[in-house]
Each structure stands twice: as C-alpha cells, then as structure tokens.
C-alpha cells in the first residue's frame, strides 16, 4: 500500500491510525485526511519525537498495513 492508497482509503484506515496514536484527536484525524506529512508532524508534536523518528514510525505503520 502506498500513500495514494492510504489517502483514498482514509475513512477505513483512520481508525487503525487512531488506535496506534491515541494522543491525536478524532478532529485531527479528520483534518489530516491521510496526508503523510501531516501525520508525521502530529506524531512528532504530540509524542515529542525527532522528525526522523516520527517518519520512521509512520513508515513502519504503513509497512504493517501491507501485511
């Protein structure tokens, strides 16, 4: 699965993202609308991570969706 597919299926996938990153509110997930850069930014902000670490975490989540 790539980011175009994530954005296209965001309504189905945002529940999985919200389960992983519970510190990010439902309204934020609606605003993000599956955009990688916004997800990375919020993970970085809410969890106090370095940008590179947030990117690795988000990319790891994407890889887990691929099964």
PDB file of N, CA and C in Angstrom:
ATOM      1  N   UNK A   1       0.857  -1.169   0.000  1.00  0.00           N
ATOM      2  CA  UNK A   1       0.000   0.000   0.000  1.00  0.00           C
ATOM      3  C   UNK A   1       0.907   1.236   0.000  1.00  0.00           C
ATOM      4  N   UNK A   2       0.562   2.204  -0.841  1.00  0.00           N
ATOM      5  CA  UNK A   2       1.341   3.446  -0.868  1.00  0.00           C
ATOM      6  C   UNK A   2       0.464   4.595  -0.351  1.00  0.00           C
ATOM      7  N   UNK A   3       1.043   5.793  -0.311  1.00  0.00           N
ATOM      8  CA  UNK A   3       0.306   6.910   0.299  1.00  0.00           C
ATOM      9  C   UNK A   3      -0.897   7.343  -0.522  1.00  0.00           C
ATOM     10  N   UNK A   4      -0.870   7.156  -1.824  1.00  0.00           N
ATOM     11  CA  UNK A   4      -2.070   7.461  -2.611  1.00  0.00           C
ATOM     12  C   UNK A   4      -3.218   6.549  -2.194  1.00  0.00           C
ATOM     13  N   UNK A   5      -2.901   5.293  -1.936  1.00  0.00           N
ATOM     14  CA  UNK A   5      -3.923   4.346  -1.494  1.00  0.00           C
ATOM     15  C   UNK A   5      -4.402   4.673  -0.084  1.00  0.00           C
ATOM     16  N   UNK A   6      -3.477   5.082   0.781  1.00  0.00           N
ATOM     17  CA  UNK A   6      -3.852   5.477   2.152  1.00  0.00           C
ATOM     18  C   UNK A   6      -4.845   6.631   2.090  1.00  0.00           C
ATOM     19  N   UNK A   7      -4.519   7.651   1.293  1.00  0.00           N
ATOM     20  CA  UNK A   7      -5.413   8.806   1.178  1.00  0.00           C
ATOM     21  C   UNK A   7      -6.766   8.383   0.626  1.00  0.00           C
ATOM     22  N   UNK A   8      -6.776   7.475  -0.339  1.00  0.00           N
ATOM     23  CA  UNK A   8      -8.022   7.024  -0.939  1.00  0.00           C
ATOM     24  C   UNK A   8      -8.885   6.204   0.010  1.00  0.00           C
ATOM     25  N   UNK A   9      -8.253   5.503   0.937  1.00  0.00           N
ATOM     26  CA  UNK A   9      -8.976   4.644   1.882  1.00  0.00           C
ATOM     27  C   UNK A   9      -8.963   5.224   3.287  1.00  0.00           C
ATOM     28  N   UNK A  10      -8.737   6.525   3.420  1.00  0.00           N
ATOM     29  CA  UNK A  10      -8.517   7.121   4.727  1.00  0.00           C
ATOM     30  C   UNK A  10      -9.669   6.873   5.689  1.00  0.00           C
ATOM     31  N   UNK A  11     -10.896   6.922   5.223  1.00  0.00           N
ATOM     32  CA  UNK A  11     -12.040   6.723   6.120  1.00  0.00           C
ATOM     33  C   UNK A  11     -11.962   5.350   6.796  1.00  0.00           C
ATOM     34  N   UNK A  12     -11.504   4.332   6.068  1.00  0.00           N
ATOM     35  CA  UNK A  12     -11.385   2.998   6.640  1.00  0.00           C
ATOM     36  C   UNK A  12     -10.140   2.869   7.518  1.00  0.00           C
ATOM     37  N   UNK A  13      -9.066   3.574   7.184  1.00  0.00           N
ATOM     38  CA  UNK A  13      -7.785   3.389   7.867  1.00  0.00           C
ATOM     39  C   UNK A  13      -7.566   4.295   9.068  1.00  0.00           C
ATOM     40  N   UNK A  14      -8.318   5.386   9.157  1.00  0.00           N
ATOM     41  CA  UNK A  14      -8.035   6.324  10.249  1.00  0.00           C
ATOM     42  C   UNK A  14      -8.299   5.709  11.621  1.00  0.00           C
ATOM     43  N   UNK A  15      -9.198   4.731  11.723  1.00  0.00           N
ATOM     44  CA  UNK A  15      -9.417   4.049  12.993  1.00  0.00           C
ATOM     45  C   UNK A  15      -8.176   3.301  13.444  1.00  0.00           C
ATOM     46  N   UNK A  16      -7.471   2.681  12.501  1.00  0.00           N
ATOM     47  CA  UNK A  16      -6.231   1.977  12.833  1.00  0.00           C
ATOM     48  C   UNK A  16      -5.153   2.968  13.256  1.00  0.00           C
ATOM     49  N   UNK A  17      -5.093   4.091  12.583  1.00  0.00           N
ATOM     50  CA  UNK A  17      -4.117   5.125  12.945  1.00  0.00           C
ATOM     51  C   UNK A  17      -4.437   5.689  14.324  1.00  0.00           C
ATOM     52  N   UNK A  18      -5.704   5.923  14.581  1.00  0.00           N
ATOM     53  CA  UNK A  18      -6.117   6.474  15.865  1.00  0.00           C
ATOM     54  C   UNK A  18      -5.819   5.486  16.999  1.00  0.00           C
ATOM     55  N   UNK A  19      -5.951   4.196  16.738  1.00  0.00           N
ATOM     56  CA  UNK A  19      -5.627   3.191  17.744  1.00  0.00           C
ATOM     57  C   UNK A  19      -4.133   3.197  18.056  1.00  0.00           C
ATOM     58  N   UNK A  20      -3.317   3.420  17.047  1.00  0.00           N
ATOM     59  CA  UNK A  20      -1.862   3.444  17.250  1.00  0.00           C
ATOM     60  C   UNK A  20      -1.420   4.713  17.958  1.00  0.00           C
ATOM     61  N   UNK A  21      -1.966   5.852  17.563  1.00  0.00           N
ATOM     62  CA  UNK A  21      -1.545   7.141  18.108  1.00  0.00           C
ATOM     63  C   UNK A  21      -2.736   7.795  18.810  1.00  0.00           C
ATOM     64  N   UNK A  22      -3.068   7.317  19.986  1.00  0.00           N
ATOM     65  CA  UNK A  22      -4.236   7.776  20.728  1.00  0.00           C
ATOM     66  C   UNK A  22      -4.169   9.213  21.212  1.00  0.00           C
ATOM     67  N   UNK A  23      -2.980   9.799  21.241  1.00  0.00           N
ATOM     68  CA  UNK A  23      -2.829  11.189  21.668  1.00  0.00           C
ATOM     69  C   UNK A  23      -3.317  12.177  20.609  1.00  0.00           C
ATOM     70  N   UNK A  24      -3.575  11.693  19.421  1.00  0.00           N
ATOM     71  CA  UNK A  24      -4.052  12.559  18.335  1.00  0.00           C
ATOM     72  C   UNK A  24      -5.573  12.425  18.287  1.00  0.00           C
ATOM     73  N   UNK A  25      -6.269  13.561  18.353  1.00  0.00           N
ATOM     74  CA  UNK A  25      -7.724  13.554  18.476  1.00  0.00           C
ATOM     75  C   UNK A  25      -8.437  13.178  17.173  1.00  0.00           C
ATOM     76  N   UNK A  26      -9.694  12.827  17.316  1.00  0.00           N
ATOM     77  CA  UNK A  26     -10.517  12.491  16.153  1.00  0.00           C
ATOM     78  C   UNK A  26     -10.627  13.627  15.158  1.00  0.00           C
ATOM     79  N   UNK A  27     -10.745  14.857  15.666  1.00  0.00           N
ATOM     80  CA  UNK A  27     -10.812  16.013  14.766  1.00  0.00           C
ATOM     81  C   UNK A  27      -9.529  16.163  13.963  1.00  0.00           C
ATOM     82  N   UNK A  28      -8.391  15.906  14.621  1.00  0.00           N
ATOM     83  CA  UNK A  28      -7.121  15.973  13.905  1.00  0.00           C
ATOM     84  C   UNK A  28      -7.066  14.937  12.792  1.00  0.00           C
ATOM     85  N   UNK A  29      -7.548  13.731  13.076  1.00  0.00           N
ATOM     86  CA  UNK A  29      -7.534  12.681  12.048  1.00  0.00           C
ATOM     87  C   UNK A  29      -8.406  13.068  10.859  1.00  0.00           C
ATOM     88  N   UNK A  30      -9.523  13.736  11.129  1.00  0.00           N
ATOM     89  CA  UNK A  30     -10.385  14.178  10.027  1.00  0.00           C
ATOM     90  C   UNK A  30      -9.663  15.217   9.177  1.00  0.00           C
ATOM     91  N   UNK A  31      -8.938  16.115   9.819  1.00  0.00           N
ATOM     92  CA  UNK A  31      -8.211  17.169   9.112  1.00  0.00           C
ATOM     93  C   UNK A  31      -7.038  16.605   8.317  1.00  0.00           C
ATOM     94  N   UNK A  32      -6.345  15.630   8.884  1.00  0.00           N
ATOM     95  CA  UNK A  32      -5.175  15.027   8.240  1.00  0.00           C
ATOM     96  C   UNK A  32      -5.546  14.429   6.892  1.00  0.00           C
ATOM     97  N   UNK A  33      -6.678  13.756   6.847  1.00  0.00           N
ATOM     98  CA  UNK A  33      -7.199  13.155   5.617  1.00  0.00           C
ATOM     99  C   UNK A  33      -6.177  12.260   4.918  1.00  0.00           C
ATOM    100  N   UNK A  34      -5.335  11.565   5.700  1.00  0.00           N
ATOM    101  CA  UNK A  34      -4.408  10.590   5.138  1.00  0.00           C
ATOM    102  C   UNK A  34      -3.115  11.145   4.594  1.00  0.00           C
ATOM    103  N   UNK A  35      -2.862  12.418   4.761  1.00  0.00           N
ATOM    104  CA  UNK A  35      -1.644  13.021   4.215  1.00  0.00           C
ATOM    105  C   UNK A  35      -0.451  12.726   5.121  1.00  0.00           C
ATOM    106  N   UNK A  36       0.557  12.104   4.556  1.00  0.00           N
ATOM    107  CA  UNK A  36       1.722  11.631   5.296  1.00  0.00           C
ATOM    108  C   UNK A  36       2.399  12.750   6.088  1.00  0.00           C
ATOM    109  N   UNK A  37       2.670  13.867   5.464  1.00  0.00           N
ATOM    110  CA  UNK A  37       3.403  14.944   6.136  1.00  0.00           C
ATOM    111  C   UNK A  37       2.657  15.449   7.368  1.00  0.00           C
ATOM    112  N   UNK A  38       1.344  15.508   7.286  1.00  0.00           N
ATOM    113  CA  UNK A  38       0.565  15.953   8.440  1.00  0.00           C
ATOM    114  C   UNK A  38       0.573  14.908   9.553  1.00  0.00           C
ATOM    115  N   UNK A  39       0.528  13.638   9.178  1.00  0.00           N
ATOM    116  CA  UNK A  39       0.599  12.587  10.192  1.00  0.00           C
ATOM    117  C   UNK A  39       1.952  12.642  10.893  1.00  0.00           C
ATOM    118  N   UNK A  40       3.019  12.736  10.107  1.00  0.00           N
ATOM    119  CA  UNK A  40       4.367  12.810  10.676  1.00  0.00           C
ATOM    120  C   UNK A  40       4.479  14.012  11.619  1.00  0.00           C
ATOM    121  N   UNK A  41       3.981  15.158  11.186  1.00  0.00           N
ATOM    122  CA  UNK A  41       4.057  16.364  12.007  1.00  0.00           C
ATOM    123  C   UNK A  41       3.334  16.229  13.333  1.00  0.00           C
ATOM    124  N   UNK A  42       2.160  15.627  13.314  1.00  0.00           N
ATOM    125  CA  UNK A  42       1.406  15.465  14.561  1.00  0.00           C
ATOM    126  C   UNK A  42       2.034  14.412  15.469  1.00  0.00           C
ATOM    127  N   UNK A  43       2.554  13.337  14.898  1.00  0.00           N
ATOM    128  CA  UNK A  43       3.244  12.335  15.713  1.00  0.00           C
ATOM    129  C   UNK A  43       4.466  12.985  16.367  1.00  0.00           C
ATOM    130  N   UNK A  44       5.176  13.774  15.609  1.00  0.00           N
ATOM    131  CA  UNK A  44       6.348  14.478  16.136  1.00  0.00           C
ATOM    132  C   UNK A  44       5.951  15.413  17.274  1.00  0.00           C
ATOM    133  N   UNK A  45       4.919  16.200  17.056  1.00  0.00           N
ATOM    134  CA  UNK A  45       4.474  17.189  18.042  1.00  0.00           C
ATOM    135  C   UNK A  45       3.897  16.544  19.303  1.00  0.00           C
ATOM    136  N   UNK A  46       2.970  15.632  19.147  1.00  0.00           N
ATOM    137  CA  UNK A  46       2.245  15.073  20.289  1.00  0.00           C
ATOM    138  C   UNK A  46       3.084  14.111  21.120  1.00  0.00           C
ATOM    139  N   UNK A  47       4.059  13.469  20.472  1.00  0.00           N
ATOM    140  CA  UNK A  47       4.857  12.478  21.183  1.00  0.00           C
ATOM    141  C   UNK A  47       6.288  12.939  21.446  1.00  0.00           C
ATOM    142  N   UNK A  48       6.603  14.194  21.081  1.00  0.00           N
ATOM    143  CA  UNK A  48       7.916  14.756  21.365  1.00  0.00           C
ATOM    144  C   UNK A  48       9.054  14.028  20.683  1.00  0.00           C
ATOM    145  N   UNK A  49       8.838  13.630  19.453  1.00  0.00           N
ATOM    146  CA  UNK A  49       9.851  12.867  18.717  1.00  0.00           C
ATOM    147  C   UNK A  49      10.614  13.775  17.757  1.00  0.00           C
ATOM    148  N   UNK A  50      11.804  13.353  17.419  1.00  0.00           N
ATOM    149  CA  UNK A  50      12.554  13.998  16.341  1.00  0.00           C
ATOM    150  C   UNK A  50      11.836  13.682  15.033  1.00  0.00           C
ATOM    151  N   UNK A  51      12.003  14.552  14.061  1.00  0.00           N
ATOM    152  CA  UNK A  51      11.329  14.377  12.763  1.00  0.00           C
ATOM    153  C   UNK A  51      11.639  13.006  12.143  1.00  0.00           C
ATOM    154  N   UNK A  52      12.913  12.639  12.129  1.00  0.00           N
ATOM    155  CA  UNK A  52      13.308  11.363  11.517  1.00  0.00           C
ATOM    156  C   UNK A  52      12.655  10.183  12.239  1.00  0.00           C
ATOM    157  N   UNK A  53      12.565  10.255  13.555  1.00  0.00           N
ATOM    158  CA  UNK A  53      11.933   9.173  14.318  1.00  0.00           C
ATOM    159  C   UNK A  53      10.435   9.092  14.027  1.00  0.00           C
ATOM    160  N   UNK A  54       9.783  10.235  13.910  1.00  0.00           N
ATOM    161  CA  UNK A  54       8.356  10.253  13.578  1.00  0.00           C
ATOM    162  C   UNK A  54       8.131   9.680  12.185  1.00  0.00           C
ATOM    163  N   UNK A  55       9.004  10.027  11.242  1.00  0.00           N
ATOM    164  CA  UNK A  55       8.882   9.484   9.881  1.00  0.00           C
ATOM    165  C   UNK A  55       9.050   7.972   9.880  1.00  0.00           C
ATOM    166  N   UNK A  56      10.015   7.464  10.632  1.00  0.00           N
ATOM    167  CA  UNK A  56      10.228   6.014  10.714  1.00  0.00           C
ATOM    168  C   UNK A  56       9.000   5.326  11.314  1.00  0.00           C
ATOM    169  N   UNK A  57       8.420   5.935  12.337  1.00  0.00           N
ATOM    170  CA  UNK A  57       7.248   5.337  12.978  1.00  0.00           C
ATOM    171  C   UNK A  57       6.059   5.297  12.016  1.00  0.00           C
ATOM    172  N   UNK A  58       5.829   6.382  11.308  1.00  0.00           N
ATOM    173  CA  UNK A  58       4.718   6.436  10.357  1.00  0.00           C
ATOM    174  C   UNK A  58       4.963   5.458   9.201  1.00  0.00           C
ATOM    175  N   UNK A  59       6.191   5.398   8.712  1.00  0.00           N
ATOM    176  CA  UNK A  59       6.502   4.454   7.639  1.00  0.00           C
ATOM    177  C   UNK A  59       6.380   3.007   8.121  1.00  0.00           C
ATOM    178  N   UNK A  60       6.727   2.749   9.383  1.00  0.00           N
ATOM    179  CA  UNK A  60       6.540   1.420   9.954  1.00  0.00           C
ATOM    180  C   UNK A  60       5.071   1.034   9.996  1.00  0.00           C
ATOM    181  N   UNK A  61       4.222   2.016  10.343  1.00  0.00           N
ATOM    182  CA  UNK A  61       2.772   1.783  10.351  1.00  0.00           C
ATOM    183  C   UNK A  61       2.297   1.424   8.930  1.00  0.00           C
ATOM    184  N   UNK A  62       2.784   2.182   7.937  1.00  0.00           N
ATOM    185  CA  UNK A  62       2.420   1.897   6.551  1.00  0.00           C
ATOM    186  C   UNK A  62       2.829   0.476   6.183  1.00  0.00           C
ATOM    187  N   UNK A  63       4.040   0.078   6.543  1.00  0.00           N
ATOM    188  CA  UNK A  63       4.507  -1.272   6.236  1.00  0.00           C
ATOM    189  C   UNK A  63       3.647  -2.329   6.915  1.00  0.00           C
ATOM    190  N   UNK A  64       3.150  -2.057   8.112  1.00  0.00           N
ATOM    191  CA  UNK A  64       2.291  -3.020   8.806  1.00  0.00           C
ATOM    192  C   UNK A  64       0.956  -3.198   8.083  1.00  0.00           C
ATOM    193  N   UNK A  65       0.521  -2.184   7.363  1.00  0.00           N
ATOM    194  CA  UNK A  65      -0.727  -2.287   6.609  1.00  0.00           C
ATOM    195  C   UNK A  65      -0.583  -3.178   5.380  1.00  0.00           C
ATOM    196  N   UNK A  66       0.644  -3.289   4.907  1.00  0.00           N
ATOM    197  CA  UNK A  66       0.902  -4.107   3.733  1.00  0.00           C
ATOM    198  C   UNK A  66       0.785  -5.592   4.042  1.00  0.00           C
ATOM    199  N   UNK A  67       0.912  -5.920   5.330  1.00  0.00           N
ATOM    200  CA  UNK A  67       0.747  -7.295   5.761  1.00  0.00           C
ATOM    201  C   UNK A  67       1.928  -8.093   5.453  1.00  0.00           C
TER     202      UNK A  67
END
